Amino acid sequence: MLGALLAVAMVGAPPAQAADEAAALYDPSTVWVIHLTLPRTSEEHLEAEPEGAYQPGEFSIAATTGAPGSEAAFSAPVKTEVRLKGSASFEDLSGKSAFKLKFKKGERPFGLKKLTLNNMIEDTSMTHETLAYEVAREAGVPAPRTGFAYVYLNGRDYGMHLDLETMDDQALERIFATHFEAALQHLYEGEDGTDVIPGDATAFEVDEGEEANIADLEALITAVDGGGVEPWATRVAPLADLTEMTRMWAMEKYVGQWDGYSGQIGDFQPNNYYLYDDTHGVFQMLPWGMDEAFMEEHHLAFDGSAGVMFDKCIADATCAALYWHSLSAVTAAAKGLGLASRATALDTMLAPWQEAEQGDGRFHFTRAQAHAAAVETSEFATTRPGEAETWLAGHEPPEEPGSGGEETGGGEEAGGGDERQGPQSQGQSSGSPTASTTGGGATGAPPGHVPAPHFGRLRKRGAVLGTTLTLGTPGTVSQRATYVVGGRSHLACSIPAAEHAAGPVSLRCALRPSARRLLHSRPLRLRVLTTVRADIGTTTKLPRLVELRRWPTHPSSS
């Protein structure tokens, strides 16, 4: 079965085409300078409704030789439309805003319909997305290109931005050029917990394609969710390119993309991914939003609960073997890129630009903080191959999965739910909210097995985070929630260790005044870590990601 899947699936991205008009813009070895000009009415609209509609303005751009002050002549201004963007990274015009730009036909710089300019405030090193997308493309995962731009708006300095290729029909045609004789059918965007499960089809945003007809997505959901005697991979393969998808998931795990499809599961995961299909009707999955990859605290386990397709794949012997081969391919591709030296080179190239943006109070990091973060990125890249190879050595599949009978290979009967085929890494899964410390595998629980602590929902009411937890044995429970501002981690709330009996536990973590004040001006992304130290001697760490939306100017008392 595995051999058949490998033979018919599109293993990687299509061969490179001749250089296109926008290729120079997506060269991460240099920096462009962009001038945006907005009339006062446009600024007023963006200030009054920061997350509102596009506003008219003008756009001009200049190449550089790589250093500040080396700009060539700026292009003639062209009309554009501008809006602000971001979720946890969102900042209004008083901060370091991120931008989306649209251009009209006949006035498209580099032939592009849109530009996406990320402010990189969640990435102190300013290297993560560039490196993560490089790994994706090298491993055969369809992914956008990146460049760098230094942005001015009405003469005001908005500093360094990542120029991330916008995932529209133009980019898709370039990426999937070898089979674009089949027309684009849909590009669906999945975020904030939307998954391929019954009832979620209408929760996906339709970025490209016909919004009124999403039968293709409904068919995928039915196949993913369906039961019966047919093994899961056999049922899903006609609608999903499992070779490409397992490479996508392996890539996310490898680079530490915890806020994507396969990183972990939580109130806002899966997140940051696209589902693409053309009129052949076979879906592929594309990455997005990888600014928190390569962070030292995100050495994800290569298994553990995540999006439903990942979970069901790992529980199916054929698909699990495909994932093993994909992780092996991703590891080899990443090693070939020399990521540690790439991080160092990017840091050196960005250094004078990072120093240039320190003159205005809107910026978040010092040059020293950026350099330290780039060193951490390089260290992550250095240690990650060994971690992947250790996991691969401990989980090597049979030569021909499924040859010993379908019972071991298929569907929910062979290990669905939260149990994983094979042991958890290091006794706990840093990406899993049901991180097991017992090491039990597909053969069933050993005698005397105690269920691992299980996370329920995490609710947000006013200034309090409420967590439900189920303990399999008595133990002490503590919790900390942190957020990053100015390149440093700050405490949002904490619960000191306290003893609890086995069974359900309710935790209430009240936000500190500093976090509450900050919520008046911006949303916050909290990293919530719950630690359970069982009386039998095991320790389990349960991470969650929570996004708190910005409060009104005068919130109700909380």
Protein backbone atom coordinates (compact mmCIF):
# COMPACT_ATOMS: atom_id res chain seq x y z
CA MET A 1 0.00 0.00 0.00
CA LEU A 2 2.81 2.40 0.89
CA GLY A 3 4.56 1.72 -2.37
CA ALA A 4 1.40 2.49 -4.29
CA LEU A 5 0.93 5.79 -2.46
CA LEU A 6 4.52 6.81 -3.13
CA ALA A 7 4.14 5.95 -6.80
CA VAL A 8 1.00 7.96 -7.52
CA ALA A 9 1.42 10.98 -5.18
CA MET A 10 3.07 14.22 -6.19
CA VAL A 11 6.20 13.93 -4.05
CA GLY A 12 7.31 17.52 -4.12
CA ALA A 13 6.94 20.95 -5.61
CA PRO A 14 7.20 21.20 -9.41
CA PRO A 15 10.52 21.90 -11.10
CA ALA A 16 11.67 25.51 -11.00
CA GLN A 17 10.52 27.68 -13.86
CA ALA A 18 12.41 30.41 -15.63
CA ALA A 19 12.94 33.47 -13.45
CA ASP A 20 9.72 35.41 -13.05
CA GLU A 21 9.31 39.15 -12.73
CA ALA A 22 8.97 39.04 -8.93
CA ALA A 23 11.95 36.75 -8.29
CA ALA A 24 14.28 39.63 -7.34
CA LEU A 25 11.82 40.85 -4.73
CA TYR A 26 11.95 37.47 -2.97
CA ASP A 27 15.70 37.31 -2.58
CA PRO A 28 16.35 37.12 1.20
CA SER A 29 20.01 38.07 0.80
CA THR A 30 19.17 41.77 0.39
CA VAL A 31 16.68 44.43 1.52
CA TRP A 32 14.33 46.63 -0.48
CA VAL A 33 13.02 49.98 0.70
CA ILE A 34 9.31 50.75 0.37
CA HIS A 35 7.64 54.16 0.66
CA LEU A 36 3.88 54.19 1.31
CA THR A 37 1.98 57.45 1.03
CA LEU A 38 -1.53 57.76 2.43
CA PRO A 39 -3.80 60.79 2.33
CA ARG A 40 -4.97 61.99 5.70
CA THR A 41 -8.43 60.48 5.16
CA SER A 42 -6.91 57.02 4.67
CA GLU A 43 -4.83 57.37 7.81
CA GLU A 44 -7.88 58.49 9.75
CA HIS A 45 -9.82 55.44 8.57
CA LEU A 46 -6.98 53.10 9.57
CA GLU A 47 -6.65 54.82 12.94
CA ALA A 48 -10.41 54.68 13.61
CA GLU A 49 -10.86 51.10 12.37
CA PRO A 50 -7.41 49.49 12.45
CA GLU A 51 -8.73 46.12 11.28
CA GLY A 52 -11.12 47.60 8.74
CA ALA A 53 -11.19 47.94 4.97
CA TYR A 54 -8.39 48.70 2.51
CA GLN A 55 -7.65 52.42 2.10
CA PRO A 56 -6.24 54.17 -1.00
CA GLY A 57 -2.64 55.33 -1.15
CA GLU A 58 0.54 55.22 -3.25
CA PHE A 59 3.47 52.81 -3.39
CA SER A 60 7.10 53.26 -4.43
CA ILE A 61 10.07 50.91 -4.06
CA ALA A 62 13.86 50.94 -4.44
CA ALA A 63 16.50 48.25 -4.52
CA THR A 64 19.58 48.47 -2.31
CA THR A 65 23.04 46.99 -2.41
CA GLY A 66 22.29 45.43 0.98
CA ALA A 67 23.03 48.30 3.38
CA PRO A 68 20.97 51.25 4.66
CA GLY A 69 21.46 54.37 2.57
CA SER A 70 22.34 52.42 -0.58
CA GLU A 71 18.95 52.81 -2.26
CA ALA A 72 18.83 53.12 -6.02
CA ALA A 73 16.27 55.44 -7.60
CA PHE A 74 12.74 54.84 -6.36
CA SER A 75 10.13 53.62 -8.80
CA ALA A 76 7.45 56.03 -9.95
CA PRO A 77 4.57 55.98 -7.44
CA VAL A 78 1.66 53.69 -8.33
CA LYS A 79 -1.78 53.53 -6.77
CA THR A 80 -2.32 50.92 -4.09
CA GLU A 81 -4.77 50.01 -1.37
CA VAL A 82 -3.51 49.44 2.17
CA ARG A 83 -4.84 47.77 5.27
CA LEU A 84 -3.27 46.62 8.53
CA LYS A 85 -2.85 42.93 9.30
CA GLY A 86 -1.99 40.53 12.08
CA SER A 87 -3.48 38.55 14.95
CA ALA A 88 -1.18 38.29 17.97
CA SER A 89 1.26 40.43 15.97
CA PHE A 90 -1.30 43.13 15.19
CA GLU A 91 -0.30 46.73 15.94
CA ASP A 92 -2.07 49.92 14.93
CA LEU A 93 -0.32 52.87 13.29
CA SER A 94 1.10 54.05 16.61
CA GLY A 95 3.14 50.81 16.76
CA LYS A 96 5.06 48.76 14.25
CA SER A 97 2.18 47.95 11.92
CA ALA A 98 2.11 45.08 9.45
CA PHE A 99 0.53 45.72 6.05
CA LYS A 100 -1.34 44.12 3.20
CA LEU A 101 -1.27 45.92 -0.15
CA LYS A 102 -3.42 45.47 -3.26
CA PHE A 103 -2.63 46.76 -6.76
CA LYS A 104 -4.86 47.32 -9.75
CA LYS A 105 -4.27 45.70 -13.11
CA GLY A 106 -1.83 47.79 -15.13
CA GLU A 107 -0.18 49.22 -11.99
CA ARG A 108 1.33 46.10 -10.49
CA PRO A 109 4.95 46.34 -9.31
CA PHE A 110 6.79 43.17 -10.35
CA GLY A 111 3.49 42.02 -11.85
CA LEU A 112 2.09 41.27 -8.37
CA LYS A 113 -1.54 41.72 -7.37
CA LYS A 114 -0.76 41.82 -3.64
CA LEU A 115 2.07 42.30 -1.15
CA THR A 116 2.15 40.97 2.43
CA LEU A 117 4.51 42.82 4.81
CA ASN A 118 4.87 41.12 8.20
CA ASN A 119 6.21 43.18 11.12
CA MET A 120 8.14 40.23 12.67
CA ILE A 121 7.42 41.36 16.24
CA GLU A 122 6.87 37.72 17.27
CA ASP A 123 10.34 36.83 15.92
CA THR A 124 13.13 38.70 17.66
CA SER A 125 15.74 37.18 15.32
CA MET A 126 13.83 38.15 12.13
CA THR A 127 15.08 34.87 10.58
CA HIS A 128 12.46 32.27 11.46
CA GLU A 129 10.01 32.53 8.57
CA THR A 130 12.72 32.81 5.95
CA LEU A 131 14.43 29.65 7.22
CA ALA A 132 11.22 27.70 7.83
CA TYR A 133 9.87 28.34 4.34
CA GLU A 134 13.26 27.41 2.89
CA VAL A 135 13.01 24.04 4.65
CA ALA A 136 9.48 23.58 3.34
CA ARG A 137 10.39 24.29 -0.27
CA GLU A 138 13.56 22.19 -0.12
CA ALA A 139 11.56 19.26 1.30
CA GLY A 140 8.99 19.43 -1.49
CA VAL A 141 6.23 21.22 0.43
CA PRO A 142 4.44 23.89 -1.65
CA ALA A 143 5.30 27.12 0.14
CA PRO A 144 5.66 30.87 -0.48
CA ARG A 145 8.89 32.80 -1.00
CA THR A 146 10.26 35.48 1.30
CA GLY A 147 12.24 38.70 1.05
CA PHE A 148 12.93 41.71 3.26
CA ALA A 149 11.71 45.30 3.03
CA TYR A 150 12.32 48.41 5.11
CA VAL A 151 9.06 50.36 5.23
CA TYR A 152 8.21 54.06 5.54
CA LEU A 153 4.66 55.39 5.72
CA ASN A 154 4.24 59.11 5.02
CA GLY A 155 7.92 59.50 5.86
CA ARG A 156 7.62 57.77 9.24
CA ASP A 157 9.98 54.89 9.91
CA TYR A 158 8.18 51.52 10.33
CA GLY A 159 11.35 49.47 10.11
CA MET A 160 12.15 45.98 8.88
CA HIS A 161 9.38 43.79 7.47
CA LEU A 162 9.28 40.34 5.98
CA ASP A 163 7.96 40.47 2.41
CA LEU A 164 6.03 37.20 2.34
CA GLU A 165 4.65 36.01 -0.98
CA THR A 166 0.87 36.31 -0.81
CA MET A 167 -0.95 33.02 -1.33
CA ASP A 168 -3.29 34.06 -4.14
CA ASP A 169 -4.01 32.61 -7.57
CA GLN A 170 -0.79 34.14 -8.94
CA ALA A 171 1.41 32.39 -6.37
CA LEU A 172 -0.51 29.14 -6.73
CA GLU A 173 -0.08 29.16 -10.49
CA ARG A 174 3.68 29.57 -10.03
CA ILE A 175 3.93 26.90 -7.32
CA PHE A 176 1.77 24.31 -9.08
CA ALA A 177 2.80 25.19 -12.63
CA THR A 178 3.49 21.61 -13.74
CA HIS A 179 -0.14 20.59 -13.36
CA PHE A 180 -1.99 23.89 -13.67
CA GLU A 181 -3.69 22.62 -16.80
CA ALA A 182 -6.19 21.54 -14.15
CA ALA A 183 -7.72 24.80 -12.99
CA LEU A 184 -7.52 25.96 -9.41
CA GLN A 185 -10.63 24.82 -7.60
CA HIS A 186 -10.19 26.20 -4.07
CA LEU A 187 -7.73 27.58 -1.59
CA TYR A 188 -9.13 27.28 1.94
CA GLU A 189 -7.52 28.97 4.92
CA GLY A 190 -7.62 27.17 8.27
CA GLU A 191 -7.08 29.11 11.49
CA ASP A 192 -8.05 29.38 15.16
CA GLY A 193 -8.91 25.69 15.62
CA THR A 194 -10.69 25.05 12.30
CA ASP A 195 -10.09 21.44 11.27
CA VAL A 196 -11.15 18.80 8.75
CA ILE A 197 -14.03 17.59 10.91
CA PRO A 198 -17.81 17.44 10.50
CA GLY A 199 -19.38 20.86 10.99
CA ASP A 200 -16.20 22.85 10.28
CA ALA A 201 -16.42 23.15 6.48
CA THR A 202 -18.08 26.56 6.62
CA ALA A 203 -15.56 27.75 9.23
CA PHE A 204 -12.76 27.70 6.64
CA GLU A 205 -12.16 30.98 4.83
CA VAL A 206 -12.40 30.59 1.05
CA ASP A 207 -9.43 32.62 -0.20
CA GLU A 208 -9.69 31.45 -3.81
CA GLY A 209 -12.50 29.68 -5.64
CA GLU A 210 -16.26 29.54 -5.51
CA GLU A 211 -17.59 30.25 -2.02
CA ALA A 212 -21.06 28.88 -2.71
CA ASN A 213 -19.83 25.39 -3.65
CA ILE A 214 -17.49 23.69 -1.17
CA ALA A 215 -18.47 20.11 -2.02
CA ASP A 216 -14.79 19.23 -2.48
CA LEU A 217 -14.01 20.13 1.15
CA GLU A 218 -17.13 18.34 2.41
CA ALA A 219 -15.99 15.21 0.55
CA LEU A 220 -12.56 15.38 2.18
CA ILE A 221 -14.13 15.77 5.63
CA THR A 222 -16.38 12.76 5.01
CA ALA A 223 -13.41 10.63 3.97
CA VAL A 224 -11.26 11.73 6.91
CA ASP A 225 -14.05 11.19 9.45
CA GLY A 226 -15.66 8.07 7.93
CA GLY A 227 -15.50 4.65 9.53
CA GLY A 228 -15.84 1.15 8.15
CA VAL A 229 -13.40 -1.69 7.57
CA GLU A 230 -11.37 0.11 4.93
CA PRO A 231 -8.05 1.40 6.32
CA TRP A 232 -7.91 5.16 6.83
CA ALA A 233 -5.10 5.83 4.33
CA THR A 234 -6.86 3.79 1.64
CA ARG A 235 -10.07 5.74 2.16
CA VAL A 236 -8.43 9.19 2.21
CA ALA A 237 -5.74 8.80 -0.48
CA PRO A 238 -8.07 9.48 -3.46
CA LEU A 239 -8.80 12.93 -2.00
CA ALA A 240 -5.56 13.85 -0.19
CA ASP A 241 -1.97 13.74 -1.38
CA LEU A 242 -0.70 11.98 1.74
CA THR A 243 2.91 12.05 0.57
CA GLU A 244 2.82 15.85 0.40
CA MET A 245 0.76 16.24 3.57
CA THR A 246 3.04 14.02 5.66
CA ARG A 247 5.99 16.07 4.43
CA MET A 248 4.15 19.22 5.46
CA TRP A 249 3.53 17.81 8.96
CA ALA A 250 7.08 16.49 9.28
CA MET A 251 8.42 19.90 8.22
CA GLU A 252 6.29 21.67 10.85
CA LYS A 253 7.49 19.29 13.56
CA TYR A 254 11.12 19.64 12.47
CA VAL A 255 11.20 23.46 12.52
CA GLY A 256 9.15 23.73 15.73
CA GLN A 257 6.02 25.22 14.11
CA TRP A 258 3.86 24.70 17.18
CA ASP A 259 1.14 27.09 15.95
CA GLY A 260 0.41 25.25 12.70
CA TYR A 261 -1.49 22.08 11.78
CA SER A 262 0.66 19.39 13.37
CA GLY A 263 2.39 21.21 16.23
CA GLN A 264 -0.10 20.62 19.02
CA ILE A 265 -3.80 20.86 19.77
CA GLY A 266 -5.47 23.61 21.78
CA ASP A 267 -8.25 26.18 21.74
CA PHE A 268 -6.67 27.91 18.71
CA GLN A 269 -5.04 24.94 16.96
CA PRO A 270 -4.88 23.78 14.25
CA ASN A 271 -3.88 27.19 12.89
CA ASN A 272 -1.92 28.80 10.06
CA TYR A 273 -2.44 26.39 7.17
CA TYR A 274 -4.05 26.24 3.74
CA LEU A 275 -5.86 23.45 1.92
CA TYR A 276 -5.41 23.64 -1.85
CA ASP A 277 -7.08 21.55 -4.52
CA ASP A 278 -7.51 21.85 -8.27
CA THR A 279 -10.04 20.22 -10.56
CA HIS A 280 -8.26 16.88 -10.17
CA GLY A 281 -9.85 16.98 -6.70
CA VAL A 282 -6.79 15.96 -4.65
CA PHE A 283 -5.97 18.20 -1.70
CA GLN A 284 -2.56 19.37 -0.57
CA MET A 285 -1.72 21.31 2.59
CA LEU A 286 0.41 24.48 2.64
CA PRO A 287 2.12 26.18 5.61
CA TRP A 288 1.64 29.75 6.82
CA GLY A 289 2.51 31.94 9.82
CA MET A 290 5.81 30.32 10.82
CA ASP A 291 7.28 33.27 12.74
CA GLU A 292 7.64 31.23 15.95
CA ALA A 293 9.54 28.34 14.37
CA PHE A 294 13.13 27.61 15.50
CA MET A 295 12.47 28.91 19.02
CA GLU A 296 14.37 27.14 21.78
CA GLU A 297 11.21 26.31 23.74
CA HIS A 298 9.60 24.68 20.69
CA HIS A 299 11.58 21.47 20.29
CA LEU A 300 8.37 19.62 19.40
CA ALA A 301 8.04 15.88 19.76
CA PHE A 302 7.67 14.23 16.38
CA ASP A 303 4.40 12.58 17.43
CA GLY A 304 1.71 13.70 19.88
CA SER A 305 -1.82 14.99 19.35
CA ALA A 306 -2.39 17.65 16.68
CA GLY A 307 -4.86 18.21 13.84
CA VAL A 308 -7.26 15.34 13.17
CA MET A 309 -5.60 14.29 9.90
CA PHE A 310 -2.21 14.06 11.63
CA ASP A 311 -3.68 12.04 14.51
CA LYS A 312 -5.48 9.61 12.20
CA CYS A 313 -2.40 9.29 10.00
CA ILE A 314 -0.18 8.33 12.95
CA ALA A 315 -2.80 5.80 14.06
CA ASP A 316 -2.82 4.13 10.60
CA ALA A 317 0.18 1.88 9.88
CA THR A 318 0.43 2.76 6.19
CA CYS A 319 0.18 6.51 6.75
CA ALA A 320 2.45 6.37 9.82
CA ALA A 321 5.11 4.71 7.68
CA LEU A 322 4.64 7.40 5.05
CA TYR A 323 5.14 10.03 7.78
CA TRP A 324 8.34 8.27 8.90
CA HIS A 325 9.73 8.42 5.35
CA SER A 326 8.64 12.06 5.07
CA LEU A 327 10.42 13.02 8.29
CA SER A 328 13.53 11.26 7.02
CA ALA A 329 13.33 13.27 3.78
CA VAL A 330 12.71 16.56 5.62
CA THR A 331 15.68 15.92 7.93
CA ALA A 332 17.97 15.24 4.97
CA ALA A 333 16.72 18.35 3.15
CA ALA A 334 17.20 20.56 6.21
CA LYS A 335 20.72 19.25 6.83
CA GLY A 336 21.60 20.07 3.24
CA LEU A 337 20.57 23.70 3.69
CA GLY A 338 23.16 24.43 6.39
CA LEU A 339 20.56 26.22 8.51
CA ALA A 340 22.89 27.21 11.34
CA SER A 341 25.20 29.09 8.98
CA ARG A 342 22.16 30.49 7.13
CA ALA A 343 20.88 31.94 10.41
CA THR A 344 24.27 33.54 11.04
CA ALA A 345 24.43 35.00 7.52
CA LEU A 346 20.92 36.45 7.78
CA ASP A 347 21.74 37.96 11.16
CA THR A 348 24.85 39.63 9.72
CA MET A 349 22.93 40.98 6.72
CA LEU A 350 20.07 42.31 8.87
CA ALA A 351 22.28 43.86 11.58
CA PRO A 352 22.66 47.40 10.13
CA TRP A 353 18.94 47.54 9.29
CA GLN A 354 18.01 46.47 12.82
CA GLU A 355 20.28 49.18 14.18
CA ALA A 356 18.68 51.73 11.83
CA GLU A 357 15.19 51.06 13.18
CA GLN A 358 16.13 51.79 16.80
CA GLY A 359 15.56 55.53 16.47
CA ASP A 360 11.80 55.38 17.03
CA GLY A 361 9.93 54.17 20.09
CA ARG A 362 7.65 51.92 18.01
CA PHE A 363 10.27 49.14 17.76
CA HIS A 364 10.40 46.09 20.01
CA PHE A 365 13.96 44.73 20.05
CA THR A 366 17.48 46.01 20.42
CA ARG A 367 20.17 44.83 18.06
CA ALA A 368 21.70 42.82 20.93
CA GLN A 369 18.39 41.02 21.52
CA ALA A 370 18.03 40.26 17.82
CA HIS A 371 21.56 38.83 17.70
CA ALA A 372 20.98 36.67 20.77
CA ALA A 373 17.78 35.30 19.23
CA ALA A 374 19.61 34.52 15.98
CA VAL A 375 22.22 32.58 17.98
CA GLU A 376 19.39 30.56 19.57
CA THR A 377 18.00 29.91 16.09
CA SER A 378 21.38 28.61 14.98
CA GLU A 379 21.61 26.38 18.06
CA PHE A 380 18.14 24.96 17.36
CA ALA A 381 19.17 24.20 13.78
CA THR A 382 22.35 22.51 15.02
CA THR A 383 20.65 20.15 17.49
CA ARG A 384 17.46 19.37 15.55
CA PRO A 385 18.91 16.78 13.09
CA GLY A 386 20.09 14.60 15.97
CA GLU A 387 16.69 14.80 17.66
CA ALA A 388 14.93 13.79 14.44
CA GLU A 389 17.36 10.95 13.76
CA THR A 390 16.90 9.61 17.30
CA TRP A 391 13.13 9.57 16.84
CA LEU A 392 13.43 7.92 13.43
CA ALA A 393 15.70 5.20 14.82
CA GLY A 394 13.16 4.40 17.53
CA HIS A 395 10.12 4.34 15.25
CA GLU A 396 11.34 2.67 12.06
CA PRO A 397 8.37 1.02 10.31
CA PRO A 398 8.34 -2.46 8.74
CA GLU A 399 9.68 -2.65 5.20
CA GLU A 400 6.18 -3.05 3.76
CA PRO A 401 3.54 -1.73 6.17
CA GLY A 402 0.28 -3.63 6.11
CA SER A 403 1.81 -6.86 4.72
CA GLY A 404 1.03 -8.67 7.94
CA GLY A 405 -2.72 -8.03 7.71
CA GLU A 406 -5.03 -5.05 7.64
CA GLU A 407 -5.89 -5.26 11.33
CA THR A 408 -2.64 -3.52 12.34
CA GLY A 409 -2.88 -0.83 9.73
CA GLY A 410 -6.21 0.67 9.62
CA GLY A 411 -8.51 3.14 11.04
CA GLU A 412 -9.64 4.05 14.46
CA GLU A 413 -9.64 0.42 15.68
CA ALA A 414 -5.82 0.39 15.58
CA GLY A 415 -4.98 3.16 17.97
CA GLY A 416 -7.28 6.14 17.46
CA GLY A 417 -7.94 8.82 20.05
CA ASP A 418 -5.08 10.10 22.16
CA GLU A 419 -2.96 6.91 22.22
CA ARG A 420 -0.04 7.02 19.79
CA GLN A 421 1.58 4.20 17.85
CA GLY A 422 4.93 3.88 19.59
CA PRO A 423 6.23 5.55 22.76
CA GLN A 424 6.11 9.24 23.48
CA SER A 425 9.44 11.02 23.09
CA GLN A 426 11.34 11.58 26.34
CA GLY A 427 8.34 10.45 28.37
CA GLN A 428 6.40 13.59 27.45
CA SER A 429 5.32 15.33 24.29
CA SER A 430 6.06 19.03 24.27
CA GLY A 431 3.48 19.56 21.56
CA SER A 432 0.70 17.49 23.09
CA PRO A 433 -1.88 18.61 25.61
CA THR A 434 -2.25 14.96 26.66
CA ALA A 435 1.47 14.38 27.09
CA SER A 436 1.96 10.88 28.47
CA THR A 437 4.69 10.02 30.93
CA THR A 438 4.05 6.28 30.85
CA GLY A 439 5.63 5.39 27.48
CA GLY A 440 2.75 3.06 26.55
CA GLY A 441 2.42 2.26 22.87
CA ALA A 442 0.24 0.47 20.38
CA THR A 443 0.34 -2.79 22.33
CA GLY A 444 -1.93 -1.39 25.02
CA ALA A 445 -1.45 -0.10 28.56
CA PRO A 446 0.91 -2.05 30.81
CA PRO A 447 -0.30 -3.52 34.12
CA GLY A 448 -0.73 -0.81 36.72
CA HIS A 449 -0.95 1.87 34.03
CA VAL A 450 -2.16 5.24 35.30
CA PRO A 451 -3.82 7.49 32.70
CA ALA A 452 -1.86 10.61 31.85
CA PRO A 453 -3.34 13.97 32.93
CA HIS A 454 -5.83 15.16 30.36
CA PHE A 455 -6.51 18.79 29.39
CA GLY A 456 -10.10 19.87 28.92
CA ARG A 457 -11.12 23.26 27.57
CA LEU A 458 -9.35 26.47 28.53
CA ARG A 459 -11.89 29.28 28.84
CA LYS A 460 -11.33 33.01 29.05
CA ARG A 461 -13.73 35.09 31.11
CA GLY A 462 -12.72 38.69 31.57
CA ALA A 463 -9.33 38.73 33.23
CA VAL A 464 -9.39 35.07 34.32
CA LEU A 465 -8.21 31.96 32.48
CA GLY A 466 -10.20 28.91 33.53
CA THR A 467 -8.71 25.46 32.90
CA THR A 468 -10.36 22.07 33.35
CA LEU A 469 -7.99 19.18 33.96
CA THR A 470 -8.45 15.49 34.74
CA LEU A 471 -5.82 13.74 36.88
CA GLY A 472 -5.34 9.99 36.75
CA THR A 473 -3.58 9.96 40.11
CA PRO A 474 -3.16 12.46 42.96
CA GLY A 475 -0.47 15.09 42.52
CA THR A 476 0.47 18.75 42.61
CA VAL A 477 -0.58 21.12 39.83
CA SER A 478 0.88 24.53 38.96
CA GLN A 479 0.33 26.90 36.05
CA ARG A 480 2.11 29.86 34.45
CA ALA A 481 1.02 32.03 31.53
CA THR A 482 3.56 34.27 29.80
CA TYR A 483 3.68 36.63 26.82
CA VAL A 484 6.53 38.22 24.88
CA VAL A 485 6.94 41.99 24.53
CA GLY A 486 10.15 43.77 23.63
CA GLY A 487 11.94 40.50 23.07
CA ARG A 488 11.44 39.45 26.68
CA SER A 489 9.02 37.07 28.35
CA HIS A 490 6.60 38.58 30.89
CA LEU A 491 4.41 36.81 33.42
CA ALA A 492 0.68 37.17 32.71
CA CYS A 493 -0.61 35.03 35.58
CA SER A 494 0.44 32.10 37.74
CA ILE A 495 -1.00 29.49 40.08
CA PRO A 496 1.40 28.09 42.71
CA ALA A 497 1.73 24.32 43.09
CA ALA A 498 -1.12 22.79 45.09
CA GLU A 499 -2.09 19.19 45.87
CA HIS A 500 -5.13 17.72 44.11
CA ALA A 501 -6.87 14.37 44.28
CA ALA A 502 -7.36 12.17 41.23
CA GLY A 503 -10.24 13.27 39.06
CA PRO A 504 -11.43 16.61 37.67
CA VAL A 505 -9.56 19.79 38.64
CA SER A 506 -10.58 23.39 37.94
CA LEU A 507 -7.90 26.08 37.78
CA ARG A 508 -8.46 29.85 37.73
CA CYS A 509 -5.49 32.01 36.73
CA ALA A 510 -6.13 35.76 37.22
CA LEU A 511 -4.24 38.11 34.87
CA ARG A 512 -1.78 40.49 36.46
CA PRO A 513 -2.50 44.25 36.19
CA SER A 514 0.35 44.73 33.69
CA ALA A 515 -1.19 42.19 31.29
CA ARG A 516 -4.63 43.72 31.73
CA ARG A 517 -3.30 47.21 30.96
CA LEU A 518 -1.59 45.93 27.83
CA LEU A 519 -4.84 44.37 26.59
CA HIS A 520 -6.33 47.86 26.30
CA SER A 521 -3.96 48.59 23.40
CA ARG A 522 -3.21 45.24 21.74
CA PRO A 523 -4.12 41.56 21.69
CA LEU A 524 -1.91 39.16 23.64
CA ARG A 525 -0.72 35.69 22.77
CA LEU A 526 -0.25 33.74 25.99
CA ARG A 527 1.81 30.59 26.39
CA VAL A 528 0.08 28.67 29.16
CA LEU A 529 2.14 25.87 30.77
CA THR A 530 0.43 23.57 33.27
CA THR A 531 2.77 21.26 35.22
CA VAL A 532 1.50 18.11 36.94
CA ARG A 533 3.79 16.29 39.38
CA ALA A 534 2.07 13.04 40.23
CA ASP A 535 2.57 11.42 43.62
CA ILE A 536 3.87 8.30 41.83
CA GLY A 537 6.90 10.33 40.72
CA THR A 538 6.13 11.33 37.12
CA THR A 539 6.05 14.92 35.82
CA THR A 540 3.94 16.00 32.86
CA LYS A 541 4.02 19.42 31.20
CA LEU A 542 0.93 20.47 29.28
CA PRO A 543 1.38 23.53 26.98
CA ARG A 544 -1.40 25.57 25.45
CA LEU A 545 -1.49 28.68 23.28
CA VAL A 546 -4.21 31.26 23.99
CA GLU A 547 -4.90 34.47 22.10
CA LEU A 548 -6.65 37.23 24.04
CA ARG A 549 -8.33 39.82 21.89
CA ARG A 550 -7.75 43.49 22.58
CA TRP A 551 -10.15 44.90 25.13
CA PRO A 552 -12.33 47.95 24.49
CA THR A 553 -10.99 51.26 25.73
CA HIS A 554 -13.24 51.07 28.79
CA PRO A 555 -13.76 47.36 29.50
CA SER A 556 -16.26 46.16 32.02
CA SER A 557 -14.81 45.45 35.40
CA SER A 558 -13.02 42.14 35.53
